Amino acid sequence: MPIWDDILTEQDRIVYKNAGWGKPAGYGQRPALLVVDVIYNFVGDEPKPILESIKEWRYSCGEIGWQGVYALERLIAKSREKRIPIFYTTWERRADKLDNGAWNRKNYRVDDNIDVIGHKGNEIVAEVAPEPHDIAFVKKKPSAFFQTPLVPYLIDMKVDTIILTGTTTSGCIRATAVDGFSYNYFVVVPEECVWDRGEITHKNNLFDIHQKYGDVVGLNSVLSYLDGLPADLYAGILPPVP
């Protein structure tokens, strides 16, 4: 059963079914992997129960986040094997918080400096860190598309499918899924490779993404899709394997 099955009411099931939502959109032919904010701020510096981890790392999703990291390792390895583009986002703010904007309004611990430029919290987790030919950039708002260079890169590489991973499901993943859908990309979310600090928010947002904006699928589905791609799909765009 889908991960969100236990939170739906019977009316929800009937409404969405009768209205026709949830039709599988499938995959396109030229995918890119998008790794959103898989940084220490969102998982802590080691696997710990979330209530322990958030004492130091207020954004942390705890052990659930680390499970996602380990699943993402498999997906990144396959993506590198198939030579598809990989994009990473991270997050950082100035010490004076002037670039934080509306984020300053919604958290009582906004003065914690774990997301200040130069802090380890902004570093991409070592287990899934980018390689020199990957593309990484900083974003300031939830969506990886909002005022970033992502779309020009995707256009240049003729990408038609976004494999969306990272955190958090209810924030940056949902926002990026909606924007990816809005740009008419196929959006595919491997369930094991996204996570959230909230159990209900994780399930509810995966349900909503799957009904309207993309396909939430198992990691093995994505790995099988990648296995079926030509080996030279991005020849001439990505550098050759060393």
C-alpha atoms as a PDB file:
ATOM      1  CA  MET A   1       0.000   0.000   0.000  1.00  0.00           C
ATOM      2  CA  PRO A   2       1.173   3.594  -0.529  1.00  0.00           C
ATOM      3  CA  ILE A   3       2.894   5.218   2.445  1.00  0.00           C
ATOM      4  CA  TRP A   4       0.003   7.694   2.755  1.00  0.00           C
ATOM      5  CA  ASP A   5      -2.723   5.050   2.833  1.00  0.00           C
ATOM      6  CA  ASP A   6      -3.229   5.197   6.612  1.00  0.00           C
ATOM      7  CA  ILE A   7      -3.937   8.937   6.701  1.00  0.00           C
ATOM      8  CA  LEU A   8      -6.666   9.070   4.036  1.00  0.00           C
ATOM      9  CA  THR A   9     -10.322   9.190   4.934  1.00  0.00           C
ATOM     10  CA  GLU A  10     -12.752   7.071   2.967  1.00  0.00           C
ATOM     11  CA  GLN A  11     -14.161  10.239   1.420  1.00  0.00           C
ATOM     12  CA  ASP A  12     -10.674  11.275   0.323  1.00  0.00           C
ATOM     13  CA  ARG A  13     -10.219   7.979  -1.477  1.00  0.00           C
ATOM     14  CA  ILE A  14     -13.511   8.274  -3.280  1.00  0.00           C
ATOM     15  CA  VAL A  15     -13.111  11.945  -4.207  1.00  0.00           C
ATOM     16  CA  TYR A  16      -9.643  11.564  -5.717  1.00  0.00           C
ATOM     17  CA  LYS A  17     -10.525   8.343  -7.513  1.00  0.00           C
ATOM     18  CA  ASN A  18     -13.757   9.681  -8.990  1.00  0.00           C
ATOM     19  CA  ALA A  19     -12.137  12.969  -9.972  1.00  0.00           C
ATOM     20  CA  GLY A  20      -9.482  11.085 -11.921  1.00  0.00           C
ATOM     21  CA  TRP A  21      -6.400  12.170  -9.993  1.00  0.00           C
ATOM     22  CA  GLY A  22      -3.293  10.040  -9.574  1.00  0.00           C
ATOM     23  CA  LYS A  23      -2.829   8.933 -13.179  1.00  0.00           C
ATOM     24  CA  PRO A  24       0.795   7.806 -13.666  1.00  0.00           C
ATOM     25  CA  ALA A  25       2.681  10.344 -15.774  1.00  0.00           C
ATOM     26  CA  GLY A  26       5.708   8.131 -16.340  1.00  0.00           C
ATOM     27  CA  TYR A  27       9.234   9.066 -17.300  1.00  0.00           C
ATOM     28  CA  GLY A  28      10.650  11.055 -20.164  1.00  0.00           C
ATOM     29  CA  GLN A  29      13.772  10.187 -22.141  1.00  0.00           C
ATOM     30  CA  ARG A  30      16.422  12.540 -20.743  1.00  0.00           C
ATOM     31  CA  PRO A  31      16.535  12.606 -16.934  1.00  0.00           C
ATOM     32  CA  ALA A  32      18.565  14.601 -14.470  1.00  0.00           C
ATOM     33  CA  LEU A  33      18.955  13.845 -10.781  1.00  0.00           C
ATOM     34  CA  LEU A  34      18.205  16.735  -8.416  1.00  0.00           C
ATOM     35  CA  VAL A  35      19.537  16.443  -4.856  1.00  0.00           C
ATOM     36  CA  VAL A  36      17.863  19.089  -2.716  1.00  0.00           C
ATOM     37  CA  ASP A  37      19.470  20.304   0.519  1.00  0.00           C
ATOM     38  CA  VAL A  38      21.061  17.036   1.622  1.00  0.00           C
ATOM     39  CA  ILE A  39      23.222  18.922   4.083  1.00  0.00           C
ATOM     40  CA  TYR A  40      24.159  18.316   7.709  1.00  0.00           C
ATOM     41  CA  ASN A  41      21.623  20.876   8.867  1.00  0.00           C
ATOM     42  CA  PHE A  42      18.823  18.553   7.774  1.00  0.00           C
ATOM     43  CA  VAL A  43      20.171  15.256   9.142  1.00  0.00           C
ATOM     44  CA  GLY A  44      22.660  16.226  11.849  1.00  0.00           C
ATOM     45  CA  ASP A  45      26.293  15.185  11.818  1.00  0.00           C
ATOM     46  CA  GLU A  46      25.478  11.580  12.742  1.00  0.00           C
ATOM     47  CA  PRO A  47      22.383   9.368  12.909  1.00  0.00           C
ATOM     48  CA  LYS A  48      20.457  10.166  16.081  1.00  0.00           C
ATOM     49  CA  PRO A  49      16.801  10.046  17.108  1.00  0.00           C
ATOM     50  CA  ILE A  50      15.191  13.256  15.922  1.00  0.00           C
ATOM     51  CA  LEU A  51      14.426  14.580  19.397  1.00  0.00           C
ATOM     52  CA  GLU A  52      18.129  14.329  20.219  1.00  0.00           C
ATOM     53  CA  SER A  53      19.344  15.652  16.887  1.00  0.00           C
ATOM     54  CA  ILE A  54      17.210  18.810  16.905  1.00  0.00           C
ATOM     55  CA  LYS A  55      18.784  19.950  20.177  1.00  0.00           C
ATOM     56  CA  GLU A  56      21.856  20.896  18.150  1.00  0.00           C
ATOM     57  CA  TRP A  57      20.526  20.920  14.587  1.00  0.00           C
ATOM     58  CA  ARG A  58      17.135  22.628  14.620  1.00  0.00           C
ATOM     59  CA  TYR A  59      16.344  21.679  11.007  1.00  0.00           C
ATOM     60  CA  SER A  60      17.223  18.015  11.500  1.00  0.00           C
ATOM     61  CA  CYS A  61      15.050  15.091  10.455  1.00  0.00           C
ATOM     62  CA  GLY A  62      17.120  12.698  12.570  1.00  0.00           C
ATOM     63  CA  GLU A  63      17.563   9.023  11.735  1.00  0.00           C
ATOM     64  CA  ILE A  64      14.888   9.126   9.026  1.00  0.00           C
ATOM     65  CA  GLY A  65      17.101  11.576   7.166  1.00  0.00           C
ATOM     66  CA  TRP A  66      20.083   9.252   7.359  1.00  0.00           C
ATOM     67  CA  GLN A  67      18.005   6.382   6.000  1.00  0.00           C
ATOM     68  CA  GLY A  68      17.251   8.659   3.055  1.00  0.00           C
ATOM     69  CA  VAL A  69      20.944   9.447   2.629  1.00  0.00           C
ATOM     70  CA  TYR A  70      21.816   5.755   2.443  1.00  0.00           C
ATOM     71  CA  ALA A  71      19.096   5.135  -0.158  1.00  0.00           C
ATOM     72  CA  LEU A  72      20.274   8.168  -2.108  1.00  0.00           C
ATOM     73  CA  GLU A  73      23.796   6.728  -2.203  1.00  0.00           C
ATOM     74  CA  ARG A  74      22.441   3.874  -4.336  1.00  0.00           C
ATOM     75  CA  LEU A  75      20.641   6.239  -6.690  1.00  0.00           C
ATOM     76  CA  ILE A  76      23.636   8.530  -7.099  1.00  0.00           C
ATOM     77  CA  ALA A  77      25.902   5.564  -7.836  1.00  0.00           C
ATOM     78  CA  LYS A  78      23.539   4.371 -10.572  1.00  0.00           C
ATOM     79  CA  SER A  79      23.210   7.906 -11.965  1.00  0.00           C
ATOM     80  CA  ARG A  80      26.983   8.220 -12.201  1.00  0.00           C
ATOM     81  CA  GLU A  81      27.199   4.800 -13.849  1.00  0.00           C
ATOM     82  CA  LYS A  82      24.651   5.911 -16.477  1.00  0.00           C
ATOM     83  CA  ARG A  83      26.272   9.338 -16.844  1.00  0.00           C
ATOM     84  CA  ILE A  84      23.188  11.485 -16.242  1.00  0.00           C
ATOM     85  CA  PRO A  85      23.506  15.058 -14.917  1.00  0.00           C
ATOM     86  CA  ILE A  86      23.365  15.540 -11.151  1.00  0.00           C
ATOM     87  CA  PHE A  87      22.426  18.874  -9.590  1.00  0.00           C
ATOM     88  CA  TYR A  88      22.775  19.736  -5.910  1.00  0.00           C
ATOM     89  CA  THR A  89      21.317  22.562  -3.879  1.00  0.00           C
ATOM     90  CA  THR A  90      22.439  23.831  -0.519  1.00  0.00           C
ATOM     91  CA  TRP A  91      21.400  26.596   1.823  1.00  0.00           C
ATOM     92  CA  GLU A  92      23.238  29.334   3.725  1.00  0.00           C
ATOM     93  CA  ARG A  93      22.581  32.779   5.173  1.00  0.00           C
ATOM     94  CA  ARG A  94      24.542  35.814   6.226  1.00  0.00           C
ATOM     95  CA  ALA A  95      25.278  36.277   9.908  1.00  0.00           C
ATOM     96  CA  ASP A  96      23.148  39.440   9.988  1.00  0.00           C
ATOM     97  CA  LYS A  97      20.163  37.490   8.542  1.00  0.00           C
ATOM     98  CA  LEU A  98      19.373  40.204   5.992  1.00  0.00           C
ATOM     99  CA  ASP A  99      19.226  37.627   3.210  1.00  0.00           C
ATOM    100  CA  ASN A 100      16.930  35.372   5.235  1.00  0.00           C
ATOM    101  CA  GLY A 101      13.805  37.310   4.352  1.00  0.00           C
ATOM    102  CA  ALA A 102      10.525  35.782   5.476  1.00  0.00           C
ATOM    103  CA  TRP A 103      12.332  32.828   7.058  1.00  0.00           C
ATOM    104  CA  ASN A 104      13.059  35.151   9.997  1.00  0.00           C
ATOM    105  CA  ARG A 105       9.357  35.271  10.845  1.00  0.00           C
ATOM    106  CA  LYS A 106       8.503  31.616  11.288  1.00  0.00           C
ATOM    107  CA  ASN A 107      10.947  30.021  13.744  1.00  0.00           C
ATOM    108  CA  TYR A 108      11.733  30.779  17.379  1.00  0.00           C
ATOM    109  CA  ARG A 109      15.319  29.535  16.957  1.00  0.00           C
ATOM    110  CA  VAL A 110      16.224  31.733  14.006  1.00  0.00           C
ATOM    111  CA  ASP A 111      19.228  33.075  15.936  1.00  0.00           C
ATOM    112  CA  ASP A 112      20.902  29.647  15.916  1.00  0.00           C
ATOM    113  CA  ASN A 113      23.894  30.128  13.624  1.00  0.00           C
ATOM    114  CA  ILE A 114      24.048  26.634  12.143  1.00  0.00           C
ATOM    115  CA  ASP A 115      23.055  27.932   8.709  1.00  0.00           C
ATOM    116  CA  VAL A 116      25.433  30.904   8.630  1.00  0.00           C
ATOM    117  CA  ILE A 117      27.912  30.950   5.751  1.00  0.00           C
ATOM    118  CA  GLY A 118      30.929  28.812   6.618  1.00  0.00           C
ATOM    119  CA  HIS A 119      29.178  26.518   9.117  1.00  0.00           C
ATOM    120  CA  LYS A 120      29.424  22.746   8.633  1.00  0.00           C
ATOM    121  CA  GLY A 121      25.628  22.620   8.648  1.00  0.00           C
ATOM    122  CA  ASN A 122      25.576  23.959   5.078  1.00  0.00           C
ATOM    123  CA  GLU A 123      27.908  21.266   3.743  1.00  0.00           C
ATOM    124  CA  ILE A 124      26.504  18.495   1.573  1.00  0.00           C
ATOM    125  CA  VAL A 125      26.669  15.202   3.459  1.00  0.00           C
ATOM    126  CA  ALA A 126      29.934  13.414   2.611  1.00  0.00           C
ATOM    127  CA  GLU A 127      28.262  10.136   1.675  1.00  0.00           C
ATOM    128  CA  VAL A 128      26.478  11.803  -1.245  1.00  0.00           C
ATOM    129  CA  ALA A 129      28.774  14.751  -1.949  1.00  0.00           C
ATOM    130  CA  PRO A 130      29.144  16.132  -5.493  1.00  0.00           C
ATOM    131  CA  GLU A 131      32.016  15.276  -7.771  1.00  0.00           C
ATOM    132  CA  PRO A 132      33.832  17.941  -9.817  1.00  0.00           C
ATOM    133  CA  HIS A 133      31.630  17.549 -12.923  1.00  0.00           C
ATOM    134  CA  ASP A 134      28.370  17.874 -10.946  1.00  0.00           C
ATOM    135  CA  ILE A 135      26.622  21.230 -10.570  1.00  0.00           C
ATOM    136  CA  ALA A 136      25.872  22.677  -7.125  1.00  0.00           C
ATOM    137  CA  PHE A 137      24.310  26.001  -6.220  1.00  0.00           C
ATOM    138  CA  VAL A 138      22.830  27.847  -3.246  1.00  0.00           C
ATOM    139  CA  LYS A 139      19.118  28.586  -3.089  1.00  0.00           C
ATOM    140  CA  LYS A 140      17.361  30.981  -0.718  1.00  0.00           C
ATOM    141  CA  LYS A 141      13.761  29.778  -0.902  1.00  0.00           C
ATOM    142  CA  PRO A 142      12.121  26.334  -0.861  1.00  0.00           C
ATOM    143  CA  SER A 143      12.027  25.622  -4.584  1.00  0.00           C
ATOM    144  CA  ALA A 144      15.241  24.653  -6.351  1.00  0.00           C
ATOM    145  CA  PHE A 145      13.854  26.574  -9.340  1.00  0.00           C
ATOM    146  CA  PHE A 146      13.223  29.925  -7.634  1.00  0.00           C
ATOM    147  CA  GLN A 147      15.811  32.483  -8.819  1.00  0.00           C
ATOM    148  CA  THR A 148      18.473  29.816  -9.429  1.00  0.00           C
ATOM    149  CA  PRO A 149      20.339  28.759 -12.608  1.00  0.00           C
ATOM    150  CA  LEU A 150      18.610  25.376 -12.712  1.00  0.00           C
ATOM    151  CA  VAL A 151      16.267  25.924 -15.681  1.00  0.00           C
ATOM    152  CA  PRO A 152      18.957  27.259 -18.060  1.00  0.00           C
ATOM    153  CA  TYR A 153      21.078  24.197 -17.316  1.00  0.00           C
ATOM    154  CA  LEU A 154      18.144  21.865 -17.935  1.00  0.00           C
ATOM    155  CA  ILE A 155      17.286  23.591 -21.198  1.00  0.00           C
ATOM    156  CA  ASP A 156      20.888  23.457 -22.398  1.00  0.00           C
ATOM    157  CA  MET A 157      21.108  19.723 -21.656  1.00  0.00           C
ATOM    158  CA  LYS A 158      17.644  19.050 -23.127  1.00  0.00           C
ATOM    159  CA  VAL A 159      16.505  17.431 -19.888  1.00  0.00           C
ATOM    160  CA  ASP A 160      12.823  16.414 -19.796  1.00  0.00           C
ATOM    161  CA  THR A 161      12.634  14.482 -16.511  1.00  0.00           C
ATOM    162  CA  ILE A 162      13.483  15.536 -12.958  1.00  0.00           C
ATOM    163  CA  ILE A 163      14.295  12.752 -10.509  1.00  0.00           C
ATOM    164  CA  LEU A 164      13.673  14.677  -7.303  1.00  0.00           C
ATOM    165  CA  THR A 165      15.366  13.715  -4.038  1.00  0.00           C
ATOM    166  CA  GLY A 166      16.283  15.259  -0.698  1.00  0.00           C
ATOM    167  CA  THR A 167      14.476  17.181   1.983  1.00  0.00           C
ATOM    168  CA  THR A 168      12.089  18.251   3.343  1.00  0.00           C
ATOM    169  CA  THR A 169       9.104  16.614   1.674  1.00  0.00           C
ATOM    170  CA  SER A 170       6.640  19.243   2.873  1.00  0.00           C
ATOM    171  CA  GLY A 171       8.893  22.188   2.048  1.00  0.00           C
ATOM    172  CA  CYS A 172      11.628  22.154  -0.564  1.00  0.00           C
ATOM    173  CA  ILE A 173      10.597  18.883  -2.216  1.00  0.00           C
ATOM    174  CA  ARG A 174       6.970  19.868  -2.611  1.00  0.00           C
ATOM    175  CA  ALA A 175       7.873  23.374  -3.819  1.00  0.00           C
ATOM    176  CA  THR A 176      10.361  21.989  -6.331  1.00  0.00           C
ATOM    177  CA  ALA A 177       7.888  19.356  -7.529  1.00  0.00           C
ATOM    178  CA  VAL A 178       5.225  21.999  -8.151  1.00  0.00           C
ATOM    179  CA  ASP A 179       7.665  24.240 -10.014  1.00  0.00           C
ATOM    180  CA  GLY A 180       9.030  21.322 -12.035  1.00  0.00           C
ATOM    181  CA  PHE A 181       5.472  20.416 -12.991  1.00  0.00           C
ATOM    182  CA  SER A 182       4.816  24.069 -13.844  1.00  0.00           C
ATOM    183  CA  TYR A 183       7.734  23.999 -16.290  1.00  0.00           C
ATOM    184  CA  ASN A 184       6.208  20.836 -17.820  1.00  0.00           C
ATOM    185  CA  TYR A 185       8.968  18.471 -16.737  1.00  0.00           C
ATOM    186  CA  PHE A 186       8.202  14.895 -15.831  1.00  0.00           C
ATOM    187  CA  VAL A 187       8.670  14.832 -12.048  1.00  0.00           C
ATOM    188  CA  VAL A 188       9.597  11.517 -10.412  1.00  0.00           C
ATOM    189  CA  VAL A 189      10.058  11.229  -6.639  1.00  0.00           C
ATOM    190  CA  PRO A 190      11.697   8.026  -5.340  1.00  0.00           C
ATOM    191  CA  GLU A 191       9.948   7.545  -2.010  1.00  0.00           C
ATOM    192  CA  GLU A 192      12.984   6.207  -0.138  1.00  0.00           C
ATOM    193  CA  CYS A 193      15.099   9.206  -1.176  1.00  0.00           C
ATOM    194  CA  VAL A 194      12.983  12.002   0.333  1.00  0.00           C
ATOM    195  CA  TRP A 195      12.262  12.709   3.961  1.00  0.00           C
ATOM    196  CA  ASP A 196      10.733  15.124   6.451  1.00  0.00           C
ATOM    197  CA  ARG A 197      10.859  15.926  10.138  1.00  0.00           C
ATOM    198  CA  GLY A 198       7.093  15.387  10.378  1.00  0.00           C
ATOM    199  CA  GLU A 199       5.529  11.966   9.810  1.00  0.00           C
ATOM    200  CA  ILE A 200       2.127  13.290   8.757  1.00  0.00           C
ATOM    201  CA  THR A 201       3.533  16.091   6.608  1.00  0.00           C
ATOM    202  CA  HIS A 202       5.763  13.602   4.797  1.00  0.00           C
ATOM    203  CA  LYS A 203       2.866  11.287   3.941  1.00  0.00           C
ATOM    204  CA  ASN A 204       0.402  14.032   3.098  1.00  0.00           C
ATOM    205  CA  ASN A 205       2.751  15.840   0.743  1.00  0.00           C
ATOM    206  CA  LEU A 206       3.832  12.681  -1.035  1.00  0.00           C
ATOM    207  CA  PHE A 207       0.145  11.933  -1.582  1.00  0.00           C
ATOM    208  CA  ASP A 208      -0.488  15.400  -2.987  1.00  0.00           C
ATOM    209  CA  ILE A 209       2.566  15.280  -5.260  1.00  0.00           C
ATOM    210  CA  HIS A 210       1.523  11.883  -6.573  1.00  0.00           C
ATOM    211  CA  GLN A 211      -2.053  12.939  -7.228  1.00  0.00           C
ATOM    212  CA  LYS A 212      -1.294  16.147  -9.116  1.00  0.00           C
ATOM    213  CA  TYR A 213       2.336  16.977  -9.848  1.00  0.00           C
ATOM    214  CA  GLY A 214       4.386  13.863 -10.521  1.00  0.00           C
ATOM    215  CA  ASP A 215       4.897  10.207  -9.740  1.00  0.00           C
ATOM    216  CA  VAL A 216       5.960   8.955  -6.318  1.00  0.00           C
ATOM    217  CA  VAL A 217       7.579   5.588  -6.967  1.00  0.00           C
ATOM    218  CA  GLY A 218       9.862   3.073  -5.299  1.00  0.00           C
ATOM    219  CA  LEU A 219      13.607   3.447  -5.629  1.00  0.00           C
ATOM    220  CA  ASN A 220      13.831   0.161  -7.551  1.00  0.00           C
ATOM    221  CA  SER A 221      11.529   1.589 -10.222  1.00  0.00           C
ATOM    222  CA  VAL A 222      13.903   4.496 -10.780  1.00  0.00           C
ATOM    223  CA  LEU A 223      16.961   2.232 -10.824  1.00  0.00           C
ATOM    224  CA  SER A 224      15.305   0.005 -13.443  1.00  0.00           C
ATOM    225  CA  TYR A 225      14.433   3.070 -15.541  1.00  0.00           C
ATOM    226  CA  LEU A 226      18.039   4.267 -15.409  1.00  0.00           C
ATOM    227  CA  ASP A 227      19.322   0.812 -16.333  1.00  0.00           C
ATOM    228  CA  GLY A 228      17.269   1.006 -19.528  1.00  0.00           C
ATOM    229  CA  LEU A 229      18.812   4.280 -20.705  1.00  0.00           C
ATOM    230  CA  PRO A 230      21.441   4.439 -23.450  1.00  0.00           C
ATOM    231  CA  ALA A 231      24.986   4.675 -22.126  1.00  0.00           C
ATOM    232  CA  ASP A 232      25.784   7.697 -24.300  1.00  0.00           C
ATOM    233  CA  LEU A 233      22.662   9.764 -23.581  1.00  0.00           C
ATOM    234  CA  TYR A 234      24.645  12.840 -22.545  1.00  0.00           C
ATOM    235  CA  ALA A 235      27.749  12.247 -24.641  1.00  0.00           C
ATOM    236  CA  GLY A 236      29.325  15.549 -25.596  1.00  0.00           C
ATOM    237  CA  ILE A 237      27.668  17.305 -22.648  1.00  0.00           C
ATOM    238  CA  LEU A 238      29.096  15.543 -19.615  1.00  0.00           C
ATOM    239  CA  PRO A 239      32.836  14.889 -19.477  1.00  0.00           C
ATOM    240  CA  PRO A 240      33.958  11.321 -20.248  1.00  0.00           C
ATOM    241  CA  VAL A 241      34.503   8.862 -17.422  1.00  0.00           C
ATOM    242  CA  PRO A 242      38.079   9.278 -16.124  1.00  0.00           C
END
